[in-house]
Amino acid sequence: MTDLCSTFNKRPNMTDRIKFIWDFHGPNAKPTAAHHVKHLGEFIAAKDYKNFLLGTETISPMHHIAFMVVEKDMVDNLRALLKPHRGQYYEEE
């Protein structure tokens, strides 16, 4: 299940988007992922970025992820700053 903190505005011809993923494992994985999303939101607000998607997902009871979806043209800069564990192309459901 996805917990969305903010959503992309619907626009025609959106560029490719990448989902940055941070993995958290163990009994405290769920609150740790939620806390990480809080800091990602603060980062976005401080930089005054728009059109970002943030959230958490449960992979298993002991594996949760925090994620941030960004437009492809911002990937190189943000990857260096935020150091996600991994990434993948994002397709809207």
Protein backbone atom coordinates (compact mmCIF):
# COMPACT_ATOMS: atom_id res chain seq x y z
CA MET A 1 0.00 0.00 0.00
CA THR A 2 1.31 3.45 -0.88
CA ASP A 3 1.07 6.46 1.42
CA LEU A 4 1.25 9.54 -0.79
CA CYS A 5 2.44 12.77 0.80
CA SER A 6 2.12 14.91 -2.30
CA THR A 7 1.16 14.28 -5.89
CA PHE A 8 2.23 15.29 -9.35
CA ASN A 9 0.09 17.77 -11.17
CA LYS A 10 -1.53 16.18 -14.20
CA ARG A 11 0.16 17.61 -17.27
CA PRO A 12 0.17 16.53 -20.88
CA ASN A 13 3.44 15.14 -22.23
CA MET A 14 5.09 14.55 -18.87
CA THR A 15 8.74 13.61 -19.08
CA ASP A 16 10.05 10.28 -17.87
CA ARG A 17 10.15 9.98 -14.12
CA ILE A 18 12.44 8.04 -11.82
CA LYS A 19 11.52 6.58 -8.44
CA PHE A 20 14.35 6.96 -5.92
CA ILE A 21 14.12 4.23 -3.28
CA TRP A 22 15.56 3.93 0.21
CA ASP A 23 15.27 0.47 1.81
CA PHE A 24 14.78 -0.08 5.52
CA HIS A 25 14.84 -3.51 7.18
CA GLY A 26 14.03 -4.81 10.63
CA PRO A 27 11.42 -4.26 13.34
CA ASN A 28 11.69 -0.45 13.12
CA ALA A 29 11.67 -0.29 9.31
CA LYS A 30 8.16 1.17 9.00
CA PRO A 31 8.64 4.19 11.32
CA THR A 32 12.15 4.73 9.95
CA ALA A 33 10.84 4.89 6.37
CA ALA A 34 8.10 7.32 7.44
CA HIS A 35 10.68 9.48 9.22
CA HIS A 36 12.88 9.49 6.12
CA VAL A 37 9.93 10.71 4.02
CA LYS A 38 9.47 13.55 6.50
CA HIS A 39 13.06 14.67 5.88
CA LEU A 40 12.62 14.33 2.11
CA GLY A 41 9.58 16.61 2.37
CA GLU A 42 11.59 19.16 4.34
CA PHE A 43 14.32 19.04 1.68
CA ILE A 44 11.75 19.65 -1.09
CA ALA A 45 10.21 22.55 0.84
CA ALA A 46 13.60 24.14 1.54
CA LYS A 47 14.54 23.97 -2.15
CA ASP A 48 11.04 25.12 -3.19
CA TYR A 49 10.72 22.20 -5.63
CA LYS A 50 7.34 21.39 -7.16
CA ASN A 51 5.65 18.27 -8.53
CA PHE A 52 7.30 15.62 -6.40
CA LEU A 53 5.71 12.41 -5.22
CA LEU A 54 6.75 11.07 -1.79
CA GLY A 55 5.62 8.05 0.15
CA THR A 56 6.29 4.75 1.81
CA GLU A 57 5.52 1.18 0.78
CA THR A 58 5.46 -2.08 2.67
CA ILE A 59 7.43 -4.80 0.91
CA SER A 60 7.15 -7.27 3.81
CA PRO A 61 6.60 -6.90 7.58
CA MET A 62 10.37 -6.42 8.00
CA HIS A 63 11.09 -4.45 4.81
CA HIS A 64 9.69 -0.99 4.11
CA ILE A 65 10.78 1.63 1.61
CA ALA A 66 10.69 5.39 1.41
CA PHE A 67 10.46 6.77 -2.10
CA MET A 68 10.62 9.99 -4.04
CA VAL A 69 9.57 10.32 -7.69
CA VAL A 70 11.46 12.92 -9.69
CA GLU A 71 11.59 14.02 -13.30
CA LYS A 72 14.44 12.44 -15.23
CA ASP A 73 16.22 15.74 -15.90
CA MET A 74 16.75 16.21 -12.13
CA VAL A 75 18.10 12.72 -11.44
CA ASP A 76 21.86 13.37 -11.62
CA ASN A 77 21.78 16.38 -9.32
CA LEU A 78 19.37 14.89 -6.77
CA ARG A 79 21.03 11.47 -6.75
CA ALA A 80 24.32 13.07 -5.71
CA LEU A 81 22.61 15.05 -2.93
CA LEU A 82 20.18 12.44 -1.58
CA LYS A 83 22.06 9.18 -2.21
CA PRO A 84 19.12 6.80 -2.76
CA HIS A 85 19.84 3.09 -2.36
CA ARG A 86 18.38 2.34 -5.78
CA GLY A 87 16.04 3.65 -8.46
CA GLN A 88 13.68 2.56 -11.18
CA TYR A 89 11.49 4.07 -13.88
CA TYR A 90 8.16 5.18 -12.47
CA GLU A 91 4.90 4.40 -14.20
CA GLU A 92 1.71 5.94 -12.93
CA GLU A 93 -0.79 3.35 -11.76
